[in-house]
Protein backbone atom coordinates (compact mmCIF):
# COMPACT_ATOMS: atom_id res chain seq x y z
CA MET A 1 -32.67 20.03 35.12
CA GLY A 2 -30.41 22.31 37.02
CA TYR A 3 -26.94 23.04 38.23
CA ILE A 4 -25.95 20.53 40.85
CA GLY A 5 -22.31 21.30 41.68
CA ALA A 6 -21.86 18.24 43.89
CA THR A 7 -18.99 15.80 44.11
CA VAL A 8 -19.79 12.31 42.86
CA THR A 9 -17.95 9.03 42.53
CA VAL A 10 -17.23 8.00 38.95
CA TRP A 11 -15.60 4.80 37.70
CA THR A 12 -13.96 5.02 34.30
CA ALA A 13 -12.60 2.71 31.63
CA GLY A 14 -8.88 2.67 30.87
CA ASP A 15 -9.33 5.52 28.38
CA GLY A 16 -11.10 7.74 30.96
CA THR A 17 -14.62 7.16 29.64
CA PRO A 18 -17.22 7.07 32.48
CA GLU A 19 -18.75 3.65 33.22
CA ARG A 20 -20.53 4.08 36.57
CA LEU A 21 -21.56 6.93 38.86
CA VAL A 22 -22.76 7.15 42.46
CA TRP A 23 -24.83 10.20 43.32
CA ASN A 24 -27.25 10.78 46.17
CA ARG A 25 -26.60 7.22 47.45
CA ARG A 26 -27.74 5.72 44.13
CA ARG A 27 -25.53 3.79 41.74
CA TYR A 28 -26.00 4.40 38.02
CA ARG A 29 -24.47 2.35 35.24
CA VAL A 30 -23.73 4.16 32.01
CA SER A 31 -26.39 2.92 29.59
CA ASP A 32 -25.34 4.72 26.41
CA THR A 33 -22.14 5.97 24.80
CA PRO A 34 -20.61 8.83 26.85
CA THR A 35 -19.91 11.96 24.81
CA LEU A 36 -17.46 14.77 25.32
CA LEU A 37 -19.38 18.02 25.10
CA GLU A 38 -18.13 20.37 22.44
CA LEU A 39 -18.35 24.09 22.88
CA ASP A 40 -19.71 26.54 20.36
CA TRP A 41 -16.47 28.51 19.92
CA ALA A 42 -18.23 31.18 17.84
CA ALA A 43 -20.48 32.04 20.77
CA ILE A 44 -17.72 32.89 23.23
CA THR A 45 -14.87 35.36 23.16
CA HIS A 46 -12.41 33.44 25.35
CA PRO A 47 -11.95 29.67 25.28
CA PRO A 48 -12.68 28.13 28.68
CA SER A 49 -9.92 26.52 30.65
CA GLY A 50 -10.36 23.30 32.48
CA PRO A 51 -11.02 19.65 31.85
CA PRO A 52 -13.67 18.41 29.43
CA ILE A 53 -17.26 17.68 30.37
CA TRP A 54 -18.70 14.22 29.80
CA ARG A 55 -22.42 13.68 29.12
CA PHE A 56 -23.98 10.24 29.45
CA GLN A 57 -27.17 8.44 30.32
CA GLY A 58 -27.15 6.40 33.52
CA THR A 59 -29.66 3.82 34.74
CA ASP A 60 -30.00 2.84 38.40
CA GLU A 61 -30.90 -0.58 39.84
CA GLN A 62 -34.63 0.27 39.83
CA GLY A 63 -34.55 1.18 36.12
CA SER A 64 -34.72 4.97 36.55
CA THR A 65 -32.73 6.78 33.88
CA ARG A 66 -31.11 10.22 33.97
CA VAL A 67 -28.62 12.13 31.85
CA PHE A 68 -25.54 13.45 33.64
CA ASP A 69 -22.92 16.10 32.86
CA VAL A 70 -19.73 15.46 34.86
CA ARG A 71 -16.23 16.90 34.95
CA HIS A 72 -13.05 15.54 36.56
CA ILE A 73 -11.08 18.10 38.54
CA ASP A 74 -7.43 17.05 38.34
CA ALA A 75 -6.19 19.37 41.11
CA THR A 76 -8.37 17.68 43.74
CA ASP A 77 -8.87 14.33 41.95
CA GLU A 78 -12.65 14.73 42.28
CA TRP A 79 -15.55 14.37 39.90
CA TRP A 80 -18.17 17.12 39.85
CA LEU A 81 -21.76 16.59 38.82
CA LEU A 82 -22.59 19.73 36.87
CA ARG A 83 -26.13 18.85 35.79
CA ALA A 84 -28.61 15.99 35.97
CA TYR A 85 -31.60 15.70 33.66
CA ASP A 86 -34.68 13.56 34.34
C-alpha cells in the first residue's frame, strides 16, 4: 500500500462508475462493486474540495487482484491513481 499519485486510464459506465483501469501497462477489469469513499466529517475541521474518490477491486488478465483508489480531475480530464493495495 502507498500513495501512488500517477495518472491512469479509466473507462467508466454511463453513470461514471469505473469499469476498467490501465496502470503500469496492465489492464484491470473491475471485479467488484465500486464504492465512493465517504469521509469522516467529525475528524476534520474543513470539508475537502474536489471530486470524489472511487475504490474498487480490479483483476488483470493473469488473475492478479488489487484494490485501487482513483479520482477524476475535471480540470485536466485525467484520472489519478491515489493508492493501490495488494
